[in-house]
Amino acid sequence: MVTSEYERRIAARFATFDQDGNGYIDREDFSGAAKALLAEFGTAARSDKGQALYVGAEAFWQGMAGIADRDGDQRITREEFVNGAVKRLRDNPDRFAEIARPFLHAALAVADTDGDGAATVEDTARVLKALGVPEDTARAAAGTLDADGDGRIVEEEIVRAFARYFTVPE
């Protein structure tokens, strides 16, 4: 049962991970996210970037399952997600960011079309849109990620923002 405002906000984040909308988070949600990103940027799954993205997605899934899949059925229910976030991540948002880092790093590499180690605000919006974020929200969020206003988004900006979004403080 979701009781606090914090728990309600975390529960709302569940849908972000449940890519196929089947009511739980599983490995396929993570591999589906990788597939969508590769398609958006025309990157081959067998390329180095494609393989890194799939490896990052699997690592992210494993980390998430380790935190939240309490019954070990390889599916994370909304309740497990909320409880995992509340009990394990609220006091340590950096832990969540580190679980996500391999996927975020690989996603940034896919979106980094010129190889300079950063993605443009526009390409970051494309990533978010490919992951199911509505276009207007994706554009606004990507603009916000560019904390220093240089038009480029680097890994640390993404990781910090990701941790804040998914481990919202009370």
N, C-alpha and C. Protein backbone atom coordinates (compact mmCIF):
# COMPACT_ATOMS: atom_id res chain seq x y z
N MET A 1 0.83 -1.18 0.00
CA MET A 1 0.00 0.00 0.00
C MET A 1 0.88 1.25 0.00
N VAL A 2 0.58 2.18 -0.87
CA VAL A 2 1.34 3.41 -0.97
C VAL A 2 0.76 4.40 0.03
N THR A 3 1.61 4.86 0.95
CA THR A 3 1.08 5.70 2.02
C THR A 3 1.60 7.12 2.00
N SER A 4 2.86 7.33 1.78
CA SER A 4 3.40 8.69 1.85
C SER A 4 3.42 9.34 0.47
N GLU A 5 3.56 10.64 0.46
CA GLU A 5 3.68 11.37 -0.80
C GLU A 5 4.91 10.88 -1.56
N TYR A 6 5.99 10.62 -0.84
CA TYR A 6 7.20 10.09 -1.46
C TYR A 6 6.90 8.78 -2.19
N GLU A 7 6.21 7.88 -1.53
CA GLU A 7 5.88 6.60 -2.13
C GLU A 7 4.97 6.78 -3.35
N ARG A 8 4.07 7.74 -3.30
CA ARG A 8 3.20 8.01 -4.46
C ARG A 8 4.02 8.49 -5.65
N ARG A 9 4.99 9.36 -5.39
CA ARG A 9 5.82 9.85 -6.49
C ARG A 9 6.68 8.74 -7.08
N ILE A 10 7.23 7.89 -6.23
CA ILE A 10 8.02 6.76 -6.73
C ILE A 10 7.13 5.82 -7.54
N ALA A 11 5.93 5.57 -7.08
CA ALA A 11 5.01 4.69 -7.81
C ALA A 11 4.73 5.24 -9.21
N ALA A 12 4.66 6.55 -9.34
CA ALA A 12 4.42 7.15 -10.65
C ALA A 12 5.59 6.91 -11.60
N ARG A 13 6.78 6.71 -11.07
CA ARG A 13 7.96 6.45 -11.89
C ARG A 13 7.95 5.03 -12.48
N PHE A 14 7.17 4.16 -11.89
CA PHE A 14 7.10 2.76 -12.31
C PHE A 14 6.82 2.64 -13.82
N ALA A 15 5.88 3.42 -14.31
CA ALA A 15 5.49 3.34 -15.72
C ALA A 15 6.65 3.64 -16.66
N THR A 16 7.60 4.43 -16.21
CA THR A 16 8.75 4.74 -17.04
C THR A 16 9.54 3.48 -17.38
N PHE A 17 9.61 2.57 -16.44
CA PHE A 17 10.34 1.32 -16.67
C PHE A 17 9.48 0.25 -17.32
N ASP A 18 8.18 0.26 -17.06
CA ASP A 18 7.29 -0.76 -17.63
C ASP A 18 7.01 -0.39 -19.08
N GLN A 19 8.02 -0.56 -19.92
CA GLN A 19 7.97 -0.12 -21.32
C GLN A 19 6.82 -0.75 -22.11
N ASP A 20 6.48 -1.99 -21.83
CA ASP A 20 5.43 -2.65 -22.60
C ASP A 20 4.05 -2.55 -21.94
N GLY A 21 3.98 -1.91 -20.77
CA GLY A 21 2.71 -1.66 -20.12
C GLY A 21 1.99 -2.89 -19.59
N ASN A 22 2.72 -3.97 -19.32
CA ASN A 22 2.08 -5.19 -18.87
C ASN A 22 1.90 -5.28 -17.35
N GLY A 23 2.26 -4.24 -16.64
CA GLY A 23 2.02 -4.21 -15.20
C GLY A 23 3.19 -4.63 -14.34
N TYR A 24 4.30 -4.99 -14.95
CA TYR A 24 5.50 -5.31 -14.19
C TYR A 24 6.73 -4.96 -15.03
N ILE A 25 7.85 -4.85 -14.35
CA ILE A 25 9.12 -4.57 -15.01
C ILE A 25 9.88 -5.88 -15.09
N ASP A 26 10.41 -6.17 -16.28
CA ASP A 26 11.22 -7.37 -16.43
C ASP A 26 12.35 -7.10 -17.43
N ARG A 27 13.13 -8.11 -17.65
CA ARG A 27 14.30 -8.01 -18.55
C ARG A 27 13.89 -7.48 -19.92
N GLU A 28 12.74 -7.91 -20.42
CA GLU A 28 12.30 -7.49 -21.75
C GLU A 28 12.06 -5.99 -21.83
N ASP A 29 11.67 -5.36 -20.73
CA ASP A 29 11.51 -3.91 -20.74
C ASP A 29 12.84 -3.22 -21.00
N PHE A 30 13.90 -3.75 -20.43
CA PHE A 30 15.22 -3.16 -20.60
C PHE A 30 15.78 -3.44 -22.00
N SER A 31 15.62 -4.66 -22.48
CA SER A 31 16.11 -4.96 -23.83
C SER A 31 15.26 -4.22 -24.87
N GLY A 32 13.98 -4.04 -24.58
CA GLY A 32 13.11 -3.27 -25.48
C GLY A 32 13.53 -1.80 -25.55
N ALA A 33 13.95 -1.26 -24.42
CA ALA A 33 14.43 0.13 -24.40
C ALA A 33 15.70 0.24 -25.25
N ALA A 34 16.60 -0.73 -25.12
CA ALA A 34 17.83 -0.71 -25.92
C ALA A 34 17.49 -0.80 -27.41
N LYS A 35 16.58 -1.69 -27.75
CA LYS A 35 16.19 -1.86 -29.15
C LYS A 35 15.59 -0.57 -29.72
N ALA A 36 14.75 0.10 -28.94
CA ALA A 36 14.14 1.35 -29.39
C ALA A 36 15.19 2.43 -29.62
N LEU A 37 16.18 2.52 -28.73
CA LEU A 37 17.24 3.52 -28.90
C LEU A 37 18.07 3.24 -30.14
N LEU A 38 18.42 1.99 -30.33
CA LEU A 38 19.21 1.64 -31.51
C LEU A 38 18.45 1.96 -32.79
N ALA A 39 17.16 1.68 -32.81
CA ALA A 39 16.35 1.98 -33.99
C ALA A 39 16.28 3.48 -34.23
N GLU A 40 16.11 4.25 -33.16
CA GLU A 40 16.00 5.71 -33.30
C GLU A 40 17.26 6.31 -33.92
N PHE A 41 18.42 5.77 -33.57
CA PHE A 41 19.67 6.34 -34.06
C PHE A 41 20.29 5.54 -35.20
N GLY A 42 19.57 4.52 -35.70
CA GLY A 42 20.06 3.75 -36.82
C GLY A 42 21.37 3.02 -36.52
N THR A 43 21.48 2.54 -35.29
CA THR A 43 22.69 1.84 -34.85
C THR A 43 22.43 0.35 -34.85
N ALA A 44 23.33 -0.40 -35.44
CA ALA A 44 23.17 -1.85 -35.53
C ALA A 44 23.37 -2.50 -34.16
N ALA A 45 22.53 -3.47 -33.86
CA ALA A 45 22.62 -4.18 -32.58
C ALA A 45 23.96 -4.90 -32.44
N ARG A 46 24.54 -5.34 -33.54
CA ARG A 46 25.80 -6.07 -33.48
C ARG A 46 27.02 -5.16 -33.48
N SER A 47 26.82 -3.87 -33.60
CA SER A 47 27.95 -2.93 -33.54
C SER A 47 28.47 -2.85 -32.11
N ASP A 48 29.63 -2.26 -31.93
CA ASP A 48 30.17 -2.10 -30.58
C ASP A 48 29.22 -1.29 -29.70
N LYS A 49 28.67 -0.20 -30.26
CA LYS A 49 27.73 0.62 -29.48
C LYS A 49 26.46 -0.15 -29.15
N GLY A 50 25.98 -0.92 -30.11
CA GLY A 50 24.77 -1.71 -29.89
C GLY A 50 24.99 -2.77 -28.82
N GLN A 51 26.10 -3.45 -28.88
CA GLN A 51 26.41 -4.47 -27.89
C GLN A 51 26.58 -3.85 -26.51
N ALA A 52 27.24 -2.70 -26.44
CA ALA A 52 27.42 -2.02 -25.15
C ALA A 52 26.07 -1.60 -24.56
N LEU A 53 25.15 -1.18 -25.42
CA LEU A 53 23.84 -0.79 -24.94
C LEU A 53 23.08 -1.98 -24.38
N TYR A 54 23.12 -3.11 -25.06
CA TYR A 54 22.45 -4.31 -24.55
C TYR A 54 23.10 -4.82 -23.26
N VAL A 55 24.42 -4.75 -23.18
CA VAL A 55 25.11 -5.15 -21.95
C VAL A 55 24.72 -4.20 -20.81
N GLY A 56 24.67 -2.89 -21.11
CA GLY A 56 24.25 -1.92 -20.10
C GLY A 56 22.82 -2.13 -19.65
N ALA A 57 21.94 -2.47 -20.60
CA ALA A 57 20.54 -2.74 -20.25
C ALA A 57 20.44 -3.96 -19.34
N GLU A 58 21.21 -4.98 -19.64
CA GLU A 58 21.19 -6.19 -18.80
C GLU A 58 21.74 -5.89 -17.41
N ALA A 59 22.81 -5.12 -17.34
CA ALA A 59 23.37 -4.76 -16.03
C ALA A 59 22.37 -3.94 -15.22
N PHE A 60 21.68 -3.04 -15.89
CA PHE A 60 20.67 -2.21 -15.23
C PHE A 60 19.55 -3.11 -14.70
N TRP A 61 19.09 -4.04 -15.54
CA TRP A 61 18.04 -4.96 -15.11
C TRP A 61 18.51 -5.76 -13.89
N GLN A 62 19.71 -6.30 -13.95
CA GLN A 62 20.21 -7.12 -12.84
C GLN A 62 20.29 -6.30 -11.55
N GLY A 63 20.77 -5.06 -11.65
CA GLY A 63 20.84 -4.21 -10.47
C GLY A 63 19.47 -3.88 -9.91
N MET A 64 18.54 -3.57 -10.81
CA MET A 64 17.18 -3.26 -10.39
C MET A 64 16.53 -4.49 -9.76
N ALA A 65 16.69 -5.64 -10.37
CA ALA A 65 16.11 -6.87 -9.82
C ALA A 65 16.70 -7.17 -8.45
N GLY A 66 18.00 -6.93 -8.29
CA GLY A 66 18.64 -7.18 -7.01
C GLY A 66 18.10 -6.30 -5.90
N ILE A 67 17.68 -5.11 -6.25
CA ILE A 67 17.13 -4.18 -5.27
C ILE A 67 15.66 -4.46 -4.99
N ALA A 68 14.90 -4.75 -6.05
CA ALA A 68 13.45 -4.71 -5.91
C ALA A 68 12.71 -6.04 -6.06
N ASP A 69 13.28 -7.03 -6.76
CA ASP A 69 12.54 -8.27 -7.01
C ASP A 69 12.62 -9.17 -5.78
N ARG A 70 11.76 -8.89 -4.81
CA ARG A 70 11.83 -9.57 -3.52
C ARG A 70 11.45 -11.04 -3.58
N ASP A 71 10.57 -11.44 -4.50
CA ASP A 71 10.16 -12.85 -4.55
C ASP A 71 10.97 -13.66 -5.55
N GLY A 72 11.90 -13.02 -6.25
CA GLY A 72 12.79 -13.73 -7.16
C GLY A 72 12.16 -14.30 -8.41
N ASP A 73 11.00 -13.76 -8.83
CA ASP A 73 10.32 -14.31 -10.01
C ASP A 73 10.75 -13.64 -11.32
N GLN A 74 11.78 -12.82 -11.26
CA GLN A 74 12.31 -12.12 -12.44
C GLN A 74 11.33 -11.11 -13.02
N ARG A 75 10.44 -10.63 -12.17
CA ARG A 75 9.50 -9.56 -12.52
C ARG A 75 9.38 -8.65 -11.31
N ILE A 76 9.35 -7.36 -11.56
CA ILE A 76 9.21 -6.39 -10.48
C ILE A 76 7.82 -5.78 -10.58
N THR A 77 7.01 -6.03 -9.57
CA THR A 77 5.68 -5.44 -9.53
C THR A 77 5.79 -3.99 -9.08
N ARG A 78 4.70 -3.28 -9.24
CA ARG A 78 4.66 -1.88 -8.79
C ARG A 78 4.98 -1.80 -7.30
N GLU A 79 4.40 -2.69 -6.51
CA GLU A 79 4.65 -2.69 -5.07
C GLU A 79 6.12 -2.98 -4.76
N GLU A 80 6.71 -3.94 -5.45
CA GLU A 80 8.13 -4.24 -5.24
C GLU A 80 9.00 -3.04 -5.62
N PHE A 81 8.63 -2.37 -6.71
CA PHE A 81 9.37 -1.20 -7.15
C PHE A 81 9.32 -0.10 -6.10
N VAL A 82 8.12 0.18 -5.62
CA VAL A 82 7.96 1.22 -4.60
C VAL A 82 8.73 0.85 -3.34
N ASN A 83 8.56 -0.37 -2.87
CA ASN A 83 9.26 -0.80 -1.66
C ASN A 83 10.77 -0.80 -1.84
N GLY A 84 11.23 -1.25 -3.01
CA GLY A 84 12.67 -1.26 -3.28
C GLY A 84 13.23 0.15 -3.27
N ALA A 85 12.53 1.07 -3.90
CA ALA A 85 12.99 2.45 -3.94
C ALA A 85 12.95 3.08 -2.56
N VAL A 86 11.86 2.89 -1.87
CA VAL A 86 11.70 3.52 -0.56
C VAL A 86 12.72 2.98 0.43
N LYS A 87 12.85 1.67 0.49
CA LYS A 87 13.69 1.06 1.52
C LYS A 87 15.17 1.07 1.18
N ARG A 88 15.51 1.03 -0.10
CA ARG A 88 16.92 0.86 -0.46
C ARG A 88 17.55 2.06 -1.13
N LEU A 89 16.76 2.94 -1.71
CA LEU A 89 17.34 4.01 -2.51
C LEU A 89 17.14 5.41 -1.95
N ARG A 90 16.14 5.60 -1.15
CA ARG A 90 15.85 6.95 -0.67
C ARG A 90 17.05 7.58 0.00
N ASP A 91 17.73 6.82 0.82
CA ASP A 91 18.87 7.37 1.54
C ASP A 91 20.17 7.30 0.75
N ASN A 92 20.14 6.70 -0.42
CA ASN A 92 21.36 6.55 -1.21
C ASN A 92 21.05 6.63 -2.71
N PRO A 93 20.67 7.80 -3.21
CA PRO A 93 20.34 7.92 -4.63
C PRO A 93 21.53 7.61 -5.54
N ASP A 94 22.75 7.78 -5.04
CA ASP A 94 23.91 7.47 -5.87
C ASP A 94 23.97 5.99 -6.21
N ARG A 95 23.46 5.15 -5.35
CA ARG A 95 23.43 3.70 -5.61
C ARG A 95 22.60 3.42 -6.85
N PHE A 96 21.47 4.06 -6.97
CA PHE A 96 20.61 3.87 -8.13
C PHE A 96 21.31 4.37 -9.39
N ALA A 97 21.96 5.52 -9.29
CA ALA A 97 22.67 6.06 -10.44
C ALA A 97 23.77 5.12 -10.90
N GLU A 98 24.46 4.50 -9.97
CA GLU A 98 25.53 3.58 -10.34
C GLU A 98 24.98 2.31 -11.00
N ILE A 99 23.81 1.87 -10.58
CA ILE A 99 23.18 0.72 -11.23
C ILE A 99 22.83 1.08 -12.67
N ALA A 100 22.38 2.29 -12.88
CA ALA A 100 21.96 2.73 -14.21
C ALA A 100 23.12 3.17 -15.09
N ARG A 101 24.28 3.50 -14.49
CA ARG A 101 25.38 4.11 -15.25
C ARG A 101 25.78 3.33 -16.51
N PRO A 102 25.97 2.02 -16.49
CA PRO A 102 26.39 1.34 -17.74
C PRO A 102 25.39 1.56 -18.89
N PHE A 103 24.11 1.52 -18.57
CA PHE A 103 23.10 1.76 -19.61
C PHE A 103 23.13 3.22 -20.06
N LEU A 104 23.20 4.14 -19.11
CA LEU A 104 23.23 5.56 -19.46
C LEU A 104 24.47 5.91 -20.28
N HIS A 105 25.60 5.33 -19.90
CA HIS A 105 26.85 5.56 -20.63
C HIS A 105 26.71 5.08 -22.08
N ALA A 106 26.17 3.88 -22.25
CA ALA A 106 26.00 3.32 -23.59
C ALA A 106 24.96 4.10 -24.39
N ALA A 107 23.88 4.53 -23.73
CA ALA A 107 22.85 5.33 -24.43
C ALA A 107 23.45 6.65 -24.89
N LEU A 108 24.27 7.26 -24.06
CA LEU A 108 24.93 8.51 -24.45
C LEU A 108 25.84 8.27 -25.66
N ALA A 109 26.57 7.16 -25.67
CA ALA A 109 27.44 6.85 -26.80
C ALA A 109 26.64 6.70 -28.09
N VAL A 110 25.47 6.09 -28.01
CA VAL A 110 24.62 5.94 -29.19
C VAL A 110 24.13 7.32 -29.66
N ALA A 111 23.77 8.18 -28.72
CA ALA A 111 23.25 9.50 -29.06
C ALA A 111 24.35 10.49 -29.43
N ASP A 112 25.58 10.18 -29.11
CA ASP A 112 26.73 11.05 -29.41
C ASP A 112 27.14 10.84 -30.87
N THR A 113 26.44 11.50 -31.76
CA THR A 113 26.61 11.25 -33.19
C THR A 113 27.93 11.76 -33.74
N ASP A 114 28.59 12.70 -33.06
CA ASP A 114 29.87 13.20 -33.57
C ASP A 114 31.08 12.69 -32.78
N GLY A 115 30.83 11.85 -31.78
CA GLY A 115 31.92 11.22 -31.05
C GLY A 115 32.72 12.12 -30.12
N ASP A 116 32.12 13.23 -29.68
CA ASP A 116 32.86 14.15 -28.81
C ASP A 116 32.64 13.89 -27.32
N GLY A 117 31.94 12.81 -26.98
CA GLY A 117 31.74 12.46 -25.58
C GLY A 117 30.51 13.11 -24.96
N ALA A 118 29.71 13.75 -25.77
CA ALA A 118 28.49 14.40 -25.28
C ALA A 118 27.40 14.26 -26.33
N ALA A 119 26.17 14.39 -25.89
CA ALA A 119 25.03 14.40 -26.81
C ALA A 119 24.47 15.82 -26.86
N THR A 120 23.93 16.18 -27.99
CA THR A 120 23.27 17.47 -28.08
C THR A 120 21.95 17.41 -27.31
N VAL A 121 21.40 18.57 -27.02
CA VAL A 121 20.10 18.63 -26.36
C VAL A 121 19.06 17.95 -27.25
N GLU A 122 19.14 18.19 -28.54
CA GLU A 122 18.18 17.59 -29.48
C GLU A 122 18.29 16.05 -29.48
N ASP A 123 19.51 15.53 -29.51
CA ASP A 123 19.68 14.08 -29.51
C ASP A 123 19.27 13.47 -28.17
N THR A 124 19.46 14.19 -27.09
CA THR A 124 19.01 13.70 -25.79
C THR A 124 17.49 13.63 -25.76
N ALA A 125 16.82 14.60 -26.35
CA ALA A 125 15.36 14.56 -26.46
C ALA A 125 14.93 13.35 -27.29
N ARG A 126 15.69 13.02 -28.33
CA ARG A 126 15.38 11.83 -29.13
C ARG A 126 15.48 10.57 -28.29
N VAL A 127 16.50 10.49 -27.43
CA VAL A 127 16.65 9.34 -26.54
C VAL A 127 15.42 9.21 -25.65
N LEU A 128 15.06 10.29 -25.00
CA LEU A 128 13.91 10.27 -24.09
C LEU A 128 12.63 9.88 -24.82
N LYS A 129 12.45 10.44 -26.00
CA LYS A 129 11.26 10.12 -26.79
C LYS A 129 11.24 8.63 -27.17
N ALA A 130 12.39 8.10 -27.55
CA ALA A 130 12.48 6.68 -27.90
C ALA A 130 12.16 5.80 -26.70
N LEU A 131 12.39 6.31 -25.49
CA LEU A 131 12.09 5.55 -24.28
C LEU A 131 10.66 5.76 -23.79
N GLY A 132 9.86 6.47 -24.58
CA GLY A 132 8.45 6.60 -24.27
C GLY A 132 8.02 7.90 -23.62
N VAL A 133 8.94 8.85 -23.49
CA VAL A 133 8.59 10.14 -22.91
C VAL A 133 7.89 10.97 -23.99
N PRO A 134 6.76 11.60 -23.67
CA PRO A 134 6.08 12.44 -24.67
C PRO A 134 7.03 13.52 -25.20
N GLU A 135 6.88 13.87 -26.48
CA GLU A 135 7.83 14.77 -27.14
C GLU A 135 8.03 16.09 -26.41
N ASP A 136 6.96 16.76 -26.00
CA ASP A 136 7.12 18.05 -25.33
C ASP A 136 7.87 17.91 -24.01
N THR A 137 7.58 16.84 -23.28
CA THR A 137 8.27 16.59 -22.01
C THR A 137 9.73 16.23 -22.27
N ALA A 138 9.98 15.45 -23.31
CA ALA A 138 11.35 15.05 -23.66
C ALA A 138 12.19 16.28 -24.00
N ARG A 139 11.63 17.19 -24.77
CA ARG A 139 12.37 18.40 -25.13
C ARG A 139 12.67 19.27 -23.91
N ALA A 140 11.67 19.43 -23.06
CA ALA A 140 11.87 20.23 -21.85
C ALA A 140 12.90 19.59 -20.93
N ALA A 141 12.80 18.29 -20.75
CA ALA A 141 13.75 17.58 -19.87
C ALA A 141 15.16 17.65 -20.42
N ALA A 142 15.31 17.47 -21.72
CA ALA A 142 16.65 17.53 -22.32
C ALA A 142 17.26 18.91 -22.14
N GLY A 143 16.45 19.94 -22.29
CA GLY A 143 16.95 21.30 -22.07
C GLY A 143 17.40 21.52 -20.64
N THR A 144 16.68 20.94 -19.71
CA THR A 144 17.01 21.07 -18.29
C THR A 144 18.31 20.32 -17.97
N LEU A 145 18.56 19.22 -18.64
CA LEU A 145 19.77 18.44 -18.41
C LEU A 145 21.04 19.22 -18.73
N ASP A 146 20.94 20.15 -19.66
CA ASP A 146 22.10 20.96 -20.05
C ASP A 146 22.33 22.05 -19.00
N ALA A 147 22.81 21.62 -17.84
CA ALA A 147 22.93 22.51 -16.68
C ALA A 147 23.83 23.71 -16.94
N ASP A 148 24.87 23.55 -17.72
CA ASP A 148 25.79 24.67 -17.95
C ASP A 148 25.47 25.46 -19.21
N GLY A 149 24.43 25.05 -19.93
CA GLY A 149 23.95 25.81 -21.08
C GLY A 149 24.87 25.78 -22.30
N ASP A 150 25.75 24.79 -22.40
CA ASP A 150 26.67 24.74 -23.53
C ASP A 150 26.12 23.98 -24.73
N GLY A 151 24.88 23.49 -24.62
CA GLY A 151 24.26 22.77 -25.73
C GLY A 151 24.66 21.31 -25.80
N ARG A 152 25.50 20.88 -24.86
CA ARG A 152 25.99 19.50 -24.82
C ARG A 152 25.63 18.89 -23.48
N ILE A 153 25.29 17.62 -23.49
CA ILE A 153 24.95 16.92 -22.26
C ILE A 153 25.94 15.78 -22.09
N VAL A 154 26.63 15.80 -20.96
CA VAL A 154 27.64 14.79 -20.68
C VAL A 154 27.10 13.77 -19.68
N GLU A 155 27.83 12.69 -19.53
CA GLU A 155 27.37 11.58 -18.69
C GLU A 155 27.03 12.00 -17.26
N GLU A 156 27.87 12.78 -16.63
CA GLU A 156 27.60 13.14 -15.23
C GLU A 156 26.31 13.93 -15.09
N GLU A 157 25.98 14.78 -16.06
CA GLU A 157 24.72 15.52 -16.01
C GLU A 157 23.54 14.55 -16.08
N ILE A 158 23.66 13.56 -16.93
CA ILE A 158 22.58 12.58 -17.10
C ILE A 158 22.43 11.72 -15.85
N VAL A 159 23.54 11.22 -15.34
CA VAL A 159 23.50 10.33 -14.18
C VAL A 159 22.92 11.05 -12.96
N ARG A 160 23.35 12.28 -12.72
CA ARG A 160 22.83 13.06 -11.58
C ARG A 160 21.33 13.29 -11.71
N ALA A 161 20.90 13.70 -12.89
CA ALA A 161 19.48 13.97 -13.11
C ALA A 161 18.66 12.69 -12.99
N PHE A 162 19.18 11.59 -13.49
CA PHE A 162 18.49 10.31 -13.40
C PHE A 162 18.29 9.91 -11.95
N ALA A 163 19.33 10.05 -11.16
CA ALA A 163 19.24 9.70 -9.73
C ALA A 163 18.20 10.58 -9.04
N ARG A 164 18.21 11.86 -9.34
CA ARG A 164 17.23 12.77 -8.72
C ARG A 164 15.81 12.41 -9.11
N TYR A 165 15.59 12.12 -10.38
CA TYR A 165 14.24 11.83 -10.87
C TYR A 165 13.67 10.56 -10.26
N PHE A 166 14.47 9.52 -10.21
CA PHE A 166 13.95 8.23 -9.75
C PHE A 166 14.07 8.01 -8.25
N THR A 167 14.77 8.86 -7.57
CA THR A 167 14.86 8.72 -6.11
C THR A 167 14.43 10.02 -5.46
N VAL A 168 13.36 10.58 -5.97
CA VAL A 168 12.86 11.87 -5.50
C VAL A 168 12.86 11.94 -3.98
N PRO A 169 13.45 13.01 -3.43
CA PRO A 169 13.44 13.14 -1.97
C PRO A 169 12.05 13.49 -1.45
N GLU A 170 11.85 13.21 -0.19
CA GLU A 170 10.56 13.55 0.44
C GLU A 170 10.41 15.04 0.53
